[in-house]
Amino acid sequence: MSEQNDRLRQQLVGGLLRQLHLDVMSQRFNPRLVLALFNLVNGGLSIALIAIVALITQQSFIFPSLGATAFLLFHLPLAEAASPRNVLSGHVIGALCGWAALWVCGLHDAPAAFLTGVEWPRVVAASLSLGFTSALMILFRVAHPPAGATALIVSLGLMHELQQLPVLISAVALLVTQAFIINRLAGIPYPLWRSRKQST
């Protein structure tokens, strides 16, 4: 599996370098160095674009679990967890479970745990949010590990308002759109919705 992933990553980088007429780089430099440089530029650029949207709109378009999602989308684009279905559904489940846990524990108006410290209601909220997120992703077959971090971000009070959830999902959709464009430009058959494994 690791050799197959390495070949896929090399194909991704090689395809983009050909599109940009920079394929001489892959011949001149160590493939691991070229791949690392690709991830540096691509991951950084993708998150920078979302951060610019956050800056312009003054909305919470940027949040920590997007980093892990970006890594999956550009490093393992054909993995089941990187399919648009899993990415979008996983983050929706994580955000809703986090928000529901806040309400169940009476923390919907409480300041973030990083400001007040962690007390028993917050322990329960964090546990419920991650537990239910994990269970629902398995139940609906939409596993996306970074969505567990989204559940914690919400249940720890960093994004505790319901109106922030559409912004969060819009940021995820923007990142998936970038992944689709970049992977397809490189010749990687990144799925429109489901990975091939999920379709069978």
Protein backbone atom coordinates (compact mmCIF):
# COMPACT_ATOMS: atom_id res chain seq x y z
CA MET A 1 0.00 0.00 0.00
CA SER A 2 2.82 2.42 0.85
CA GLU A 3 4.53 1.88 -2.53
CA GLN A 4 1.22 2.51 -4.30
CA ASN A 5 0.73 5.74 -2.31
CA ASP A 6 4.28 6.83 -3.11
CA ARG A 7 3.70 6.23 -6.85
CA LEU A 8 0.42 8.15 -6.67
CA ARG A 9 2.07 11.09 -4.92
CA GLN A 10 4.86 11.11 -7.51
CA GLN A 11 2.21 11.08 -10.26
CA LEU A 12 0.44 14.00 -8.59
CA VAL A 13 3.60 16.08 -8.36
CA GLY A 14 4.82 15.05 -11.82
CA GLY A 15 1.48 15.91 -13.40
CA LEU A 16 1.40 19.37 -11.88
CA LEU A 17 5.02 20.04 -12.78
CA ARG A 18 4.23 19.07 -16.40
CA GLN A 19 1.21 21.41 -16.42
CA LEU A 20 3.44 24.23 -15.17
CA HIS A 21 6.28 23.29 -17.57
CA LEU A 22 8.56 22.61 -14.59
CA ASP A 23 9.00 18.86 -15.09
CA VAL A 24 12.78 19.33 -15.26
CA MET A 25 12.62 19.70 -11.44
CA SER A 26 11.51 16.10 -11.00
CA GLN A 27 14.46 14.93 -13.11
CA ARG A 28 17.06 17.16 -11.48
CA PHE A 29 16.16 16.82 -7.76
CA ASN A 30 15.49 14.01 -5.33
CA PRO A 31 11.82 12.90 -5.67
CA ARG A 32 11.25 13.14 -1.89
CA LEU A 33 12.54 16.72 -1.90
CA VAL A 34 10.26 17.61 -4.84
CA LEU A 35 7.28 16.03 -3.04
CA ALA A 36 8.10 17.89 0.18
CA LEU A 37 8.35 21.18 -1.72
CA PHE A 38 5.05 20.42 -3.47
CA ASN A 39 3.33 19.83 -0.11
CA LEU A 40 4.89 22.98 1.32
CA VAL A 41 3.60 25.14 -1.52
CA ASN A 42 0.27 23.39 -2.10
CA GLY A 43 -0.74 22.96 1.55
CA GLY A 44 0.37 26.47 2.40
CA LEU A 45 -1.36 28.00 -0.60
CA SER A 46 -4.62 26.14 0.05
CA ILE A 47 -4.80 27.24 3.68
CA ALA A 48 -3.67 30.76 2.73
CA LEU A 49 -6.59 31.10 0.31
CA ILE A 50 -9.04 30.08 3.02
CA ALA A 51 -7.35 32.42 5.51
CA ILE A 52 -7.70 35.28 3.00
CA VAL A 53 -11.43 34.54 2.75
CA ALA A 54 -11.55 34.65 6.58
CA LEU A 55 -9.69 37.96 6.58
CA ILE A 56 -11.98 39.54 3.99
CA THR A 57 -15.24 38.27 5.50
CA GLN A 58 -14.13 38.43 9.16
CA GLN A 59 -15.70 34.97 9.60
CA SER A 60 -14.22 31.79 11.09
CA PHE A 61 -13.25 30.21 7.76
CA ILE A 62 -9.97 28.94 9.19
CA PHE A 63 -9.81 26.39 12.00
CA PRO A 64 -7.26 23.78 13.11
CA SER A 65 -8.77 20.59 11.70
CA LEU A 66 -8.57 22.01 8.16
CA GLY A 67 -4.81 21.44 8.30
CA ALA A 68 -5.22 17.69 8.76
CA THR A 69 -7.91 17.62 6.08
CA ALA A 70 -5.62 19.46 3.64
CA PHE A 71 -2.84 16.97 4.31
CA LEU A 72 -5.15 14.05 3.47
CA LEU A 73 -6.56 15.74 0.36
CA PHE A 74 -3.17 16.47 -1.16
CA HIS A 75 -1.02 13.64 0.21
CA LEU A 76 -3.49 10.72 -0.10
CA PRO A 77 -6.08 12.04 -2.57
CA LEU A 78 -7.53 8.64 -3.50
CA ALA A 79 -7.90 7.42 0.07
CA GLU A 80 -11.49 6.80 1.09
CA ALA A 81 -11.14 9.30 3.94
CA ALA A 82 -10.15 12.00 1.41
CA SER A 83 -13.24 11.64 -0.81
CA PRO A 84 -15.53 14.69 -0.88
CA ARG A 85 -18.32 12.55 0.63
CA ASN A 86 -16.23 11.62 3.66
CA VAL A 87 -14.65 15.05 4.11
CA LEU A 88 -17.88 17.04 3.97
CA SER A 89 -20.05 14.50 5.82
CA GLY A 90 -17.41 13.91 8.49
CA HIS A 91 -17.03 17.60 9.29
CA VAL A 92 -20.82 18.12 9.32
CA ILE A 93 -21.19 15.23 11.76
CA GLY A 94 -18.33 16.50 13.92
CA ALA A 95 -19.68 20.05 14.05
CA LEU A 96 -23.24 18.97 14.84
CA CYS A 97 -22.12 16.48 17.51
CA GLY A 98 -19.94 19.16 19.09
CA TRP A 99 -22.77 21.66 19.09
CA ALA A 100 -25.28 19.12 20.46
CA ALA A 101 -22.84 18.19 23.25
CA LEU A 102 -22.59 21.87 24.23
CA TRP A 103 -26.37 22.09 24.56
CA VAL A 104 -26.71 18.81 26.45
CA CYS A 105 -24.10 19.99 28.95
CA GLY A 106 -25.48 23.53 29.23
CA LEU A 107 -22.34 25.11 27.74
CA HIS A 108 -23.81 26.76 24.64
CA ASP A 109 -23.21 30.26 26.06
CA ALA A 110 -20.07 29.43 28.09
CA PRO A 111 -16.70 30.90 27.16
CA ALA A 112 -14.16 28.60 25.52
CA ALA A 113 -12.43 26.04 27.73
CA PHE A 114 -9.08 27.67 26.95
CA LEU A 115 -10.26 30.81 28.74
CA THR A 116 -11.97 29.25 31.75
CA GLY A 117 -10.20 25.93 32.15
CA VAL A 118 -11.69 22.47 31.92
CA GLU A 119 -14.42 21.48 34.37
CA TRP A 120 -16.67 18.40 34.53
CA PRO A 121 -19.34 19.67 32.11
CA ARG A 122 -16.64 20.35 29.52
CA VAL A 123 -15.17 16.86 30.04
CA VAL A 124 -18.59 15.36 29.38
CA ALA A 125 -19.16 17.59 26.32
CA ALA A 126 -15.80 16.72 24.79
CA SER A 127 -16.31 13.01 25.42
CA LEU A 128 -19.84 12.99 24.01
CA SER A 129 -18.88 14.99 20.93
CA LEU A 130 -15.96 12.79 19.97
CA GLY A 131 -17.71 9.55 20.86
CA PHE A 132 -20.82 10.33 18.84
CA THR A 133 -18.79 11.73 15.94
CA SER A 134 -16.76 8.53 15.74
CA ALA A 135 -19.82 6.30 16.02
CA LEU A 136 -21.84 8.20 13.41
CA MET A 137 -18.97 8.33 10.91
CA ILE A 138 -18.60 4.55 11.21
CA LEU A 139 -22.36 4.01 11.05
CA PHE A 140 -22.73 6.12 7.89
CA ARG A 141 -19.41 4.91 6.40
CA VAL A 142 -17.95 8.41 6.10
CA ALA A 143 -14.80 8.12 8.21
CA HIS A 144 -12.66 11.26 8.10
CA PRO A 145 -10.27 11.45 11.10
CA PRO A 146 -9.87 15.27 11.11
CA ALA A 147 -13.63 15.55 11.80
CA GLY A 148 -12.90 14.31 15.33
CA ALA A 149 -10.87 17.48 15.83
CA THR A 150 -13.80 19.53 14.51
CA ALA A 151 -16.06 17.95 17.13
CA LEU A 152 -13.59 18.96 19.85
CA ILE A 153 -13.15 22.47 18.45
CA VAL A 154 -16.90 22.99 18.78
CA SER A 155 -17.39 21.19 22.11
CA LEU A 156 -14.46 23.05 23.70
CA GLY A 157 -16.19 26.30 22.82
CA LEU A 158 -13.93 27.64 20.08
CA MET A 159 -16.82 27.71 17.59
CA HIS A 160 -19.89 27.38 19.75
CA GLU A 161 -22.51 29.39 17.86
CA LEU A 162 -24.84 27.60 15.45
CA GLN A 163 -24.42 30.32 12.81
CA GLN A 164 -20.68 29.49 12.68
CA LEU A 165 -21.39 25.96 11.41
CA PRO A 166 -22.31 26.98 7.82
CA VAL A 167 -19.10 29.02 7.68
CA LEU A 168 -17.14 25.99 8.88
CA ILE A 169 -18.70 23.73 6.25
CA SER A 170 -18.15 26.39 3.54
CA ALA A 171 -14.44 26.40 4.40
CA VAL A 172 -14.33 22.61 4.08
CA ALA A 173 -16.17 22.81 0.72
CA LEU A 174 -13.67 25.41 -0.51
CA LEU A 175 -10.77 23.15 0.45
CA VAL A 176 -12.40 20.15 -1.30
CA THR A 177 -12.90 22.29 -4.43
CA GLN A 178 -9.21 23.24 -4.39
CA ALA A 179 -8.26 19.58 -3.98
CA PHE A 180 -10.48 18.58 -6.89
CA ILE A 181 -8.93 21.18 -9.20
CA ILE A 182 -5.32 20.53 -8.21
CA ASN A 183 -5.60 16.74 -8.25
CA ARG A 184 -7.42 16.70 -11.59
CA LEU A 185 -4.84 19.11 -13.10
CA ALA A 186 -2.18 16.61 -12.07
CA GLY A 187 -4.04 13.76 -13.73
CA ILE A 188 -5.19 12.13 -10.48
CA PRO A 189 -8.80 10.86 -10.77
CA TYR A 190 -9.95 12.59 -7.59
CA PRO A 191 -13.65 11.67 -7.19
CA LEU A 192 -16.58 14.04 -7.57
CA TRP A 193 -18.26 12.54 -4.49
CA ARG A 194 -17.23 8.97 -3.54
CA SER A 195 -14.00 7.06 -3.94
CA ARG A 196 -14.04 4.00 -6.16
CA LYS A 197 -13.93 1.75 -3.09
CA GLN A 198 -17.13 3.36 -1.78
CA SER A 199 -18.92 3.02 -5.11
CA THR A 200 -18.51 -0.75 -5.26
